[in-house]
Amino acid sequence: MSPAVDHQAAEQGFSLIEVMAALAILALAGLAVVNMVSVTTRNTTAVETRALGMVAAENLLNMELLRPGRITGRSGDYELAGVGYSWELDVEATTDRELVRLVMTVREGESGYLAGRIETFRRRP
């Protein structure tokens, strides 16, 4: 055999080191993708929890605003989309004697996570 034939045979494939390096790079890229999917899933869950909590806070505040009579601080439990919430309505004085500040706070029942908070003003009756 001539030296030219041996040289061509050596260049026909990848060496073991090259294959291992390529696999290592591919594995790192795969880990980055898995991590990104995990973070995205976690963020999506947090956004969903916050959105449902804000809907619950809006519902509760509207129910309180529609109740006849004077609004007073109250608390209770509420369920929306299968999720239990505990809520609290605080009535706070303002510098304007004609207005009160209403603060509705909604927390997830099990975890106590702050799911929503809304503030508004209302004229004193």
Protein backbone atom coordinates (compact mmCIF):
# COMPACT_ATOMS: atom_id res chain seq x y z
CA MET A 1 0.00 0.00 0.00
CA SER A 2 1.12 3.45 -0.72
CA PRO A 3 1.30 6.17 1.95
CA ALA A 4 -1.41 8.17 0.13
CA VAL A 5 -3.95 5.34 0.63
CA ASP A 6 -3.23 5.13 4.38
CA HIS A 7 -3.63 8.89 4.72
CA GLN A 8 -7.05 8.80 3.00
CA ALA A 9 -8.24 5.95 5.24
CA ALA A 10 -7.36 7.95 8.36
CA GLU A 11 -9.43 10.96 7.20
CA GLN A 12 -12.63 9.02 6.43
CA GLY A 13 -14.24 9.24 9.90
CA PHE A 14 -14.25 11.05 13.22
CA SER A 15 -11.90 10.20 16.03
CA LEU A 16 -13.23 9.05 19.39
CA ILE A 17 -12.25 12.37 20.98
CA GLU A 18 -14.24 14.32 18.39
CA VAL A 19 -17.34 12.16 18.92
CA MET A 20 -17.09 12.50 22.71
CA ALA A 21 -16.69 16.28 22.47
CA ALA A 22 -19.73 16.52 20.18
CA LEU A 23 -21.81 14.41 22.59
CA ALA A 24 -20.74 16.55 25.55
CA ILE A 25 -21.79 19.73 23.73
CA LEU A 26 -25.11 18.14 22.76
CA ALA A 27 -25.71 17.04 26.35
CA LEU A 28 -25.05 20.56 27.68
CA ALA A 29 -27.46 22.01 25.13
CA GLY A 30 -30.07 19.43 26.16
CA LEU A 31 -29.67 20.34 29.83
CA ALA A 32 -30.12 24.02 28.99
CA VAL A 33 -33.36 23.26 27.13
CA VAL A 34 -34.70 21.13 30.01
CA ASN A 35 -33.85 23.90 32.49
CA MET A 36 -35.58 26.50 30.32
CA VAL A 37 -38.74 24.38 30.06
CA SER A 38 -38.75 23.89 33.84
CA VAL A 39 -38.44 27.63 34.54
CA THR A 40 -41.12 28.45 31.98
CA THR A 41 -43.52 25.94 33.53
CA ARG A 42 -42.89 27.34 37.00
CA ASN A 43 -43.45 30.91 35.79
CA THR A 44 -46.64 29.92 33.98
CA THR A 45 -48.03 28.43 37.18
CA ALA A 46 -47.19 31.58 39.14
CA VAL A 47 -48.86 33.79 36.52
CA GLU A 48 -51.97 31.59 36.53
CA THR A 49 -52.15 31.71 40.33
CA ARG A 50 -51.77 35.49 40.36
CA ALA A 51 -54.37 35.97 37.59
CA LEU A 52 -56.96 33.82 39.37
CA GLY A 53 -56.22 35.61 42.63
CA MET A 54 -56.80 39.00 41.01
CA VAL A 55 -60.11 37.80 39.50
CA ALA A 56 -61.13 36.57 42.97
CA ALA A 57 -60.16 39.93 44.50
CA GLU A 58 -62.16 41.84 41.87
CA ASN A 59 -65.20 39.60 42.41
CA LEU A 60 -65.07 39.97 46.17
CA LEU A 61 -64.56 43.73 46.06
CA ASN A 62 -67.48 44.14 43.66
CA MET A 63 -69.72 42.03 45.91
CA GLU A 64 -68.77 44.21 48.87
CA LEU A 65 -69.40 47.42 46.91
CA LEU A 66 -72.85 46.16 45.90
CA ARG A 67 -73.87 45.23 49.45
CA PRO A 68 -76.36 47.72 50.87
CA GLY A 69 -75.37 49.77 53.87
CA ARG A 70 -72.06 50.88 55.24
CA ILE A 71 -68.95 48.96 54.21
CA THR A 72 -67.02 47.58 57.14
CA GLY A 73 -63.85 45.55 57.43
CA ARG A 74 -64.62 41.87 56.94
CA SER A 75 -62.92 38.61 56.09
CA GLY A 76 -63.89 35.18 54.89
CA ASP A 77 -63.28 32.31 52.51
CA TYR A 78 -63.94 32.17 48.77
CA GLU A 79 -63.56 29.53 46.06
CA LEU A 80 -62.84 30.16 42.40
CA ALA A 81 -61.97 27.53 39.76
CA GLY A 82 -61.48 24.89 42.45
CA VAL A 83 -58.99 27.00 44.39
CA GLY A 84 -59.77 28.10 47.93
CA TYR A 85 -58.88 31.63 49.02
CA SER A 86 -59.02 33.54 52.26
CA TRP A 87 -59.81 37.22 51.90
CA GLU A 88 -59.81 40.34 53.99
CA LEU A 89 -61.35 43.74 53.35
CA ASP A 90 -59.81 46.65 55.23
CA VAL A 91 -61.52 50.04 55.38
CA GLU A 92 -59.04 52.85 56.02
CA ALA A 93 -59.57 56.54 56.62
CA THR A 94 -58.10 59.06 54.21
CA THR A 95 -57.17 62.72 54.53
CA ASP A 96 -60.46 63.53 52.78
CA ARG A 97 -63.29 63.08 55.30
CA GLU A 98 -65.66 62.17 52.48
CA LEU A 99 -63.62 59.20 51.22
CA VAL A 100 -62.50 55.86 52.61
CA ARG A 101 -59.88 53.55 51.13
CA LEU A 102 -60.94 49.93 50.59
CA VAL A 103 -58.16 47.34 50.44
CA MET A 104 -59.10 43.81 49.36
CA THR A 105 -56.40 41.22 50.03
CA VAL A 106 -56.75 37.65 48.77
CA ARG A 107 -54.46 34.79 49.81
CA GLU A 108 -54.39 31.17 48.70
CA GLY A 109 -56.03 29.11 51.41
CA GLU A 110 -53.40 26.39 51.81
CA SER A 111 -50.15 28.22 51.18
CA GLY A 112 -51.09 31.72 52.35
CA TYR A 113 -49.49 33.06 49.15
CA LEU A 114 -50.63 36.63 48.36
CA ALA A 115 -52.67 36.02 45.22
CA GLY A 116 -54.25 39.44 44.76
CA ARG A 117 -54.60 42.87 46.26
CA ILE A 118 -56.81 45.72 45.07
CA GLU A 119 -57.25 49.21 46.47
CA THR A 120 -60.03 51.61 45.64
CA PHE A 121 -61.83 54.58 47.15
CA ARG A 122 -65.46 55.07 48.03
CA ARG A 123 -67.46 58.02 49.23
CA ARG A 124 -68.72 57.67 52.79
CA PRO A 125 -72.47 57.04 52.92
